[in-house]
Protein backbone atom coordinates (compact mmCIF):
# COMPACT_ATOMS: atom_id res chain seq x y z
CA MET A 1 -68.52 9.28 37.71
CA ILE A 2 -67.79 12.93 37.93
CA GLN A 3 -64.60 12.26 39.76
CA THR A 4 -63.61 8.89 37.03
CA GLN A 5 -64.29 11.55 34.19
CA LEU A 6 -62.27 14.21 35.54
CA LEU A 7 -59.68 11.56 35.89
CA LEU A 8 -59.64 10.15 32.35
CA VAL A 9 -59.99 13.52 31.03
CA SER A 10 -56.62 14.61 32.79
CA GLY A 11 -54.67 11.76 31.98
CA MET A 12 -55.27 12.27 28.30
CA ALA A 13 -54.93 15.79 28.57
CA LEU A 14 -52.02 16.03 30.64
CA GLY A 15 -50.40 12.48 30.36
CA PRO A 16 -48.64 12.44 27.23
CA VAL A 17 -46.21 15.79 27.37
CA MET A 18 -45.51 14.60 31.22
CA LEU A 19 -44.31 10.85 29.85
CA PHE A 20 -42.35 12.66 27.11
CA LEU A 21 -40.55 14.90 29.54
CA LEU A 22 -40.23 12.27 31.85
CA ALA A 23 -38.58 9.74 29.17
CA LEU A 24 -36.24 12.75 28.13
CA LEU A 25 -35.18 12.80 31.63
CA TYR A 26 -34.17 9.34 31.70
CA LEU A 27 -32.41 9.29 28.70
CA ASP A 28 -30.12 11.93 29.44
CA SER A 29 -27.16 9.94 30.34
CA PHE A 30 -25.51 13.18 31.64
CA LYS A 31 -28.22 14.25 34.15
CA LEU A 32 -27.30 17.83 32.52
CA VAL A 33 -30.60 19.57 33.13
CA THR A 34 -29.09 20.09 36.99
CA PHE A 35 -27.46 18.03 39.45
CA ILE A 36 -29.86 14.84 40.78
CA SER A 37 -30.34 17.26 44.29
CA VAL A 38 -32.24 19.83 42.35
CA ARG A 39 -33.24 18.25 39.34
CA PHE A 40 -36.99 17.36 39.95
CA ILE A 41 -37.32 21.27 41.25
CA SER A 42 -35.47 22.90 38.85
CA VAL A 43 -37.66 20.77 35.76
CA VAL A 44 -40.80 21.52 37.71
CA GLY A 45 -40.17 25.11 38.17
CA VAL A 46 -39.39 25.54 34.41
CA VAL A 47 -42.87 23.83 33.86
CA LEU A 48 -44.65 26.87 36.31
CA LEU A 49 -42.74 29.29 34.20
CA GLY A 50 -44.53 27.47 31.08
CA GLY A 51 -48.10 27.68 32.95
CA VAL A 52 -47.36 31.20 33.49
CA THR A 53 -46.96 31.91 29.90
CA ALA A 54 -50.43 29.98 29.78
CA VAL A 55 -52.03 32.83 31.61
CA ALA A 56 -50.35 35.62 29.73
CA SER A 57 -51.25 34.44 26.88
CA TYR A 58 -55.01 34.71 27.70
CA PHE A 59 -54.69 38.47 28.69
CA VAL A 60 -52.56 39.11 25.53
CA SER A 61 -54.58 37.22 23.00
CA GLY A 62 -58.05 39.00 24.31
CA ALA A 63 -56.11 42.42 23.44
CA VAL A 64 -54.41 41.11 20.23
CA ILE A 65 -58.42 40.02 19.11
CA ASP A 66 -59.65 43.34 20.11
CA ALA A 67 -57.14 45.48 18.44
CA ALA A 68 -56.94 43.54 14.91
CA HIS A 69 -60.71 42.76 14.71
CA VAL A 70 -60.75 39.01 14.16
CA ASP A 71 -62.59 36.17 14.31
CA PHE A 72 -61.20 33.81 16.87
CA ASP A 73 -60.67 31.22 14.07
CA HIS A 74 -58.64 34.05 12.51
CA TYR A 75 -56.73 34.15 15.09
CA SER A 76 -56.05 30.87 15.93
CA ARG A 77 -54.94 29.97 12.13
CA TYR A 78 -52.23 33.04 12.22
CA LEU A 79 -51.95 35.12 15.02
CA ALA A 80 -52.27 32.89 18.27
CA PRO A 81 -48.90 31.22 17.07
CA VAL A 82 -46.74 34.05 17.08
CA VAL A 83 -48.42 35.09 20.42
CA GLU A 84 -47.81 32.12 22.11
CA GLU A 85 -44.54 30.96 20.61
CA CYS A 86 -43.04 34.16 21.28
CA LEU A 87 -44.32 34.33 25.16
CA LYS A 88 -42.65 30.59 25.28
CA ALA A 89 -39.47 31.80 23.87
CA ALA A 90 -39.34 34.14 26.40
CA VAL A 91 -38.64 31.81 28.97
CA MET A 92 -36.11 29.84 27.09
CA ILE A 93 -34.12 33.34 26.25
CA TYR A 94 -34.15 33.98 30.32
CA LEU A 95 -33.02 30.27 31.14
CA ILE A 96 -30.06 30.76 28.07
CA SER A 97 -29.01 34.27 28.84
CA ARG A 98 -28.36 33.55 32.20
CA ASP A 99 -26.28 30.26 31.73
CA ARG A 100 -29.08 27.75 33.03
CA ILE A 101 -28.65 25.90 30.19
CA GLY A 102 -25.39 24.66 28.43
CA PHE A 103 -25.87 21.51 26.24
CA MET A 104 -28.52 21.20 23.14
CA ILE A 105 -29.64 17.76 25.53
CA ASP A 106 -31.02 20.12 28.31
CA ALA A 107 -32.27 23.12 25.83
CA ALA A 108 -34.73 20.19 24.54
CA ILE A 109 -35.87 18.54 28.01
CA TYR A 110 -36.40 22.17 29.23
CA GLY A 111 -38.23 23.12 26.04
CA VAL A 112 -40.71 20.30 26.49
CA ALA A 113 -41.01 21.24 30.24
CA ILE A 114 -41.88 24.99 29.02
CA GLY A 115 -44.38 23.22 26.87
CA ALA A 116 -45.93 20.58 28.86
CA GLY A 117 -46.69 23.71 31.29
CA PHE A 118 -48.28 25.92 28.83
CA SER A 119 -50.20 22.94 27.54
CA MET A 120 -51.55 21.87 31.29
CA PHE A 121 -52.39 25.29 32.25
CA GLU A 122 -54.45 25.56 28.96
CA ASN A 123 -56.22 22.30 29.13
CA VAL A 124 -57.47 23.18 32.72
CA TYR A 125 -59.01 26.19 31.13
CA TYR A 126 -60.36 24.64 27.89
CA TYR A 127 -62.26 22.57 30.50
CA SER A 128 -63.70 24.70 33.33
CA VAL A 129 -65.00 26.55 29.59
CA PHE A 130 -66.00 23.25 28.19
CA PRO A 131 -66.15 20.44 30.60
CA ASP A 132 -69.09 18.58 28.79
CA SER A 133 -66.48 17.97 25.91
CA ASN A 134 -66.29 14.15 25.21
CA LEU A 135 -63.23 12.18 25.76
CA ALA A 136 -61.86 12.64 21.78
CA VAL A 137 -61.72 16.17 22.58
CA TRP A 138 -59.43 15.79 25.16
CA MET A 139 -57.25 13.07 23.43
CA VAL A 140 -56.30 15.11 20.58
CA ARG A 141 -55.49 17.76 22.89
CA GLY A 142 -52.85 15.98 24.82
CA LEU A 143 -51.79 13.88 22.26
CA GLY A 144 -51.66 16.49 19.68
CA THR A 145 -51.54 20.32 21.20
CA ALA A 146 -49.44 19.29 24.20
CA ILE A 147 -47.02 17.66 22.33
CA MET A 148 -46.80 20.37 19.50
CA HIS A 149 -46.63 22.74 22.02
CA GLY A 150 -43.38 20.75 23.95
CA GLY A 151 -41.76 19.79 20.77
CA ALA A 152 -42.05 23.12 19.31
CA THR A 153 -40.45 24.97 22.04
CA ALA A 154 -38.04 22.12 22.24
CA ILE A 155 -37.31 22.70 18.73
CA LEU A 156 -36.67 26.47 19.69
CA GLY A 157 -34.37 25.76 22.47
CA VAL A 158 -31.92 23.18 20.62
CA THR A 159 -31.88 25.52 17.73
CA ALA A 160 -31.12 28.60 19.61
CA GLN A 161 -28.63 26.79 21.98
CA SER A 162 -26.29 25.32 18.88
CA LEU A 163 -26.24 29.04 17.66
CA SER A 164 -25.41 30.22 21.19
CA GLU A 165 -22.53 28.06 20.96
CA ARG A 166 -21.58 29.37 18.28
CA ARG A 167 -22.03 33.11 18.28
CA ALA A 168 -20.65 34.66 21.29
CA PRO A 169 -21.51 37.05 23.38
CA PHE A 170 -25.32 35.82 23.92
CA ASN A 171 -27.35 37.52 21.15
CA PRO A 172 -31.09 37.36 20.88
CA LEU A 173 -30.93 37.24 17.22
CA ASN A 174 -29.51 33.88 17.84
CA PHE A 175 -33.54 33.05 18.65
CA LEU A 176 -34.98 34.29 15.73
CA PRO A 177 -34.58 31.37 13.26
CA GLY A 178 -36.06 28.92 16.08
CA LEU A 179 -38.81 31.14 16.87
CA ILE A 180 -39.52 31.55 12.90
CA GLY A 181 -39.63 27.31 12.85
CA ALA A 182 -41.67 27.19 16.35
CA ILE A 183 -44.18 29.50 14.93
CA SER A 184 -44.72 27.82 11.50
CA LEU A 185 -44.55 24.67 13.24
CA HIS A 186 -47.65 25.77 15.72
CA SER A 187 -49.51 27.28 12.57
CA ILE A 188 -49.15 24.38 10.43
CA PHE A 189 -50.92 22.66 12.98
CA ASN A 190 -53.74 24.79 13.84
CA GLN A 191 -55.03 24.80 9.80
CA PHE A 192 -56.41 21.23 10.58
CA THR A 193 -58.66 22.45 13.33
CA THR A 194 -61.46 20.34 11.13
CA TRP A 195 -59.14 17.41 10.56
CA PRO A 196 -57.76 16.82 14.44
CA LEU A 197 -57.14 13.89 14.18
CA TYR A 198 -54.85 13.93 11.26
CA SER A 199 -52.70 16.73 13.01
CA THR A 200 -52.57 14.82 16.25
CA ALA A 201 -51.26 11.68 14.39
CA ALA A 202 -48.49 13.72 12.50
CA THR A 203 -47.84 15.23 15.69
CA ILE A 204 -47.44 12.51 17.67
CA PHE A 205 -45.26 10.43 14.80
CA ILE A 206 -42.83 13.61 13.71
CA LEU A 207 -42.62 15.35 16.67
CA PRO A 208 -41.31 13.15 19.48
CA LEU A 209 -39.14 11.39 17.08
CA ALA A 210 -37.48 14.49 15.88
CA VAL A 211 -36.64 15.38 19.51
CA LEU A 212 -35.57 12.32 20.56
CA PHE A 213 -32.69 12.41 17.44
CA VAL A 214 -31.32 15.55 18.19
CA PHE A 215 -31.49 14.44 21.72
CA ASP A 216 -29.01 11.37 21.28
CA LYS A 217 -26.90 13.31 18.36
CA SER A 218 -26.78 15.72 21.18
CA GLU A 219 -25.46 13.50 23.51
CA HIS A 220 -22.75 12.35 21.63
CA GLN A 221 -21.81 16.05 20.84
CA ALA A 222 -22.06 16.47 24.79
CA HIS A 223 -19.33 13.73 25.47
CA ASP A 224 -17.15 14.37 22.88
CA TRP A 225 -16.99 18.23 23.87
CA LEU A 226 -16.16 17.30 27.35
CA ILE A 227 -13.58 15.27 26.44
CA HIS A 228 -12.07 17.94 24.45
CA ASP A 229 -12.48 20.99 26.73
CA TYR A 230 -11.47 18.72 29.94
CA GLU A 231 -7.96 18.33 28.01
CA SER A 232 -7.52 21.59 26.99
CA HIS A 233 -8.15 22.63 30.55
CA GLU A 234 -5.68 20.76 31.61
CA HIS A 235 -3.47 22.20 29.69
CA LEU A 236 -4.06 25.79 30.14
CA LEU A 237 -3.54 25.14 33.91
CA ALA A 238 -0.56 23.58 33.34
CA ALA A 239 0.76 26.75 31.36
CA ILE A 240 -0.38 28.59 33.62
CA ALA A 241 1.64 27.04 36.47
CA ASP A 242 4.94 26.74 35.02
CA GLY A 243 4.50 30.32 33.57
CA SER A 244 4.60 29.84 29.99
CA PHE A 245 1.11 31.28 29.91
CA ALA A 246 1.91 34.99 31.17
CA HIS A 247 4.83 34.78 27.63
CA SER A 248 2.11 33.46 25.50
CA ALA A 249 -0.11 35.79 23.25
CA ALA A 250 -2.97 35.84 25.36
CA GLY A 251 -0.74 36.32 28.12
CA HIS A 252 1.20 39.56 27.02
CA LEU A 253 -2.44 40.99 25.85
CA LEU A 254 -3.92 40.50 29.51
CA SER A 255 -0.67 42.17 30.70
CA ASP A 256 -1.46 45.05 27.99
CA ILE A 257 -4.70 45.39 29.52
CA ALA A 258 -4.25 45.26 32.91
CA GLU A 259 -1.32 47.93 32.25
CA ARG A 260 -3.63 50.48 30.50
CA LEU A 261 -6.38 49.99 33.21
CA GLY A 262 -4.28 51.16 35.97
CA LYS A 263 -5.99 49.11 39.33
CA ALA A 264 -5.64 46.08 37.52
CA ASN A 265 -2.79 43.63 38.14
CA ALA A 266 -2.18 40.87 35.98
CA GLU A 267 -1.10 38.43 38.55
CA ASP A 268 -4.79 38.73 39.74
CA ILE A 269 -6.22 37.95 36.28
CA PHE A 270 -4.16 35.53 35.85
CA ALA A 271 -5.38 34.24 39.34
CA TYR A 272 -8.40 34.42 38.47
CA LEU A 273 -8.33 32.78 35.04
CA SER A 274 -6.38 30.09 37.20
CA LEU A 275 -9.15 29.38 39.38
CA HIS A 276 -11.41 29.99 36.81
CA THR A 277 -10.30 27.08 34.79
CA GLN A 278 -9.37 24.72 38.09
CA LEU A 279 -13.52 24.99 38.72
CA VAL A 280 -14.66 24.27 35.05
CA LEU A 281 -12.12 21.32 35.03
CA ARG A 282 -14.13 20.02 38.38
CA ALA A 283 -17.13 20.34 37.15
CA GLU A 284 -16.43 18.36 34.10
CA GLN A 285 -14.67 16.05 36.17
CA LEU A 286 -18.29 15.64 37.95
CA LEU A 287 -20.03 15.58 34.53
CA LEU A 288 -18.04 12.46 32.97
CA ALA A 289 -18.26 10.60 36.45
CA ARG A 290 -22.19 10.98 36.32
CA GLU A 291 -22.16 10.14 33.31
CA ARG A 292 -20.38 6.54 34.01
CA GLY A 293 -23.09 6.42 36.48
CA GLU A 294 -21.30 7.98 39.82
CA ASP A 295 -22.74 10.20 42.08
CA PRO A 296 -19.76 12.11 43.16
CA MET A 297 -20.03 15.17 45.40
CA PRO A 298 -18.22 18.24 45.28
CA GLN A 299 -15.33 18.58 47.75
CA SER A 300 -14.91 21.11 50.36
CA GLN A 301 -11.78 22.96 48.07
CA ASP A 302 -14.18 23.31 45.21
CA ARG A 303 -16.22 26.04 47.95
CA GLU A 304 -13.15 27.23 48.79
CA ASN A 305 -12.00 28.00 44.98
CA PHE A 306 -15.32 29.65 44.58
CA VAL A 307 -14.91 31.76 47.72
CA LYS A 308 -11.42 32.98 46.33
CA LEU A 309 -12.71 33.26 42.74
CA HIS A 310 -14.99 35.67 43.79
CA ALA A 311 -12.43 37.59 46.00
CA VAL A 312 -10.15 38.00 43.52
CA GLU A 313 -12.91 39.41 40.67
CA GLN A 314 -13.88 41.84 43.87
CA LYS A 315 -9.99 42.77 43.73
CA ILE A 316 -9.81 43.39 40.19
CA GLY A 317 -13.00 45.53 40.04
CA ARG A 318 -16.06 45.70 38.07
CA THR A 319 -14.78 48.01 35.28
CA ALA A 320 -11.37 46.15 35.19
CA MET A 321 -13.88 42.50 34.60
CA LEU A 322 -16.04 43.89 31.50
CA THR A 323 -13.08 45.14 29.88
CA ILE A 324 -10.74 41.74 29.97
CA TRP A 325 -13.92 39.44 30.00
CA PRO A 326 -14.53 39.32 25.79
CA HIS A 327 -10.43 38.57 26.07
CA LEU A 328 -10.69 35.07 28.29
CA LYS A 329 -13.09 33.61 25.75
CA PHE A 330 -15.38 31.74 28.27
CA SER A 331 -18.06 29.57 26.62
CA HIS A 332 -21.53 29.47 27.42
CA LYS A 333 -20.93 25.69 28.42
CA GLU A 334 -18.20 26.51 30.75
CA LEU A 335 -20.14 29.06 32.47
CA TRP A 336 -23.03 26.80 32.90
CA GLU A 337 -20.96 24.32 34.31
CA LEU A 338 -19.67 27.00 36.68
CA HIS A 339 -23.46 27.72 37.61
CA GLN A 340 -24.12 23.83 38.26
CA LEU A 341 -20.99 23.52 40.71
CA GLU A 342 -21.47 26.40 42.83
CA ASN A 343 -25.20 25.07 43.01
CA ARG A 344 -23.88 22.11 44.84
CA THR A 345 -21.29 23.56 47.35
């Protein structure tokens, strides 16, 4: 009897948000979160990071309640959304700043994964404190609270990724609009503690539809961007190969910077740019192949090009690389593509 009840509680409290996450993974035609060999491990890792934020929230919440001298109801309505969304946002900031996210699609998936991990650990804690709660409580927590956590963080991630794509270099302020939105959504949800069924119904109707809408729109944008970027990289490689890039305005700028630095050689910088572009082009080839339903594998040439790329980086030197890097105009998407490809080689 106890085991049956535990299974029912687990299914109601943890099932909906995990099914939502699995649905997003299934719908991702690009498999953009990561390539299939490490895809499951990557998402599970982010779910666990979401769980870590829930554990951290337990200790931070206690400290805030003691410092602010407020009761739990007031804390839950107004302060808990700030604490919890900021902790979840820290994971999203880490992922985007480390170029682990390249498109809004994977920002949505990782956002739901963070929220899923948070709600899983939170519900385990609540069950240990209130083991005799009826099944309706766990239905509300699973369909309402857990979906809210995943949806709020997904919206934060999508907003931050969208702003990061347009505003380089990486800027933590890009997360502020999404964070305000997530906190507001969370706070509104927590205002209806006396009418939990209404807030749950609104959550399961509005949030998944909003995330799926953004998901569908961003998939079309990702396809268009890949096609356009692929063509521009082909043109850049051709210009470097025939020498016309060296005589362009961008080429003259890089040559002037290399001359001022003294130790950096313009040919090395052009070689680095060429290798970088070749590898990004190769990563885009694999992504477009995955969209067609194929499962291409990296080649030995890809691995050799990464070795050459890092060797040229060392030859140019850290100081020179930091100086020329802003002028190379590499986007966050391109860096993410390189990270994905290098993980497979």
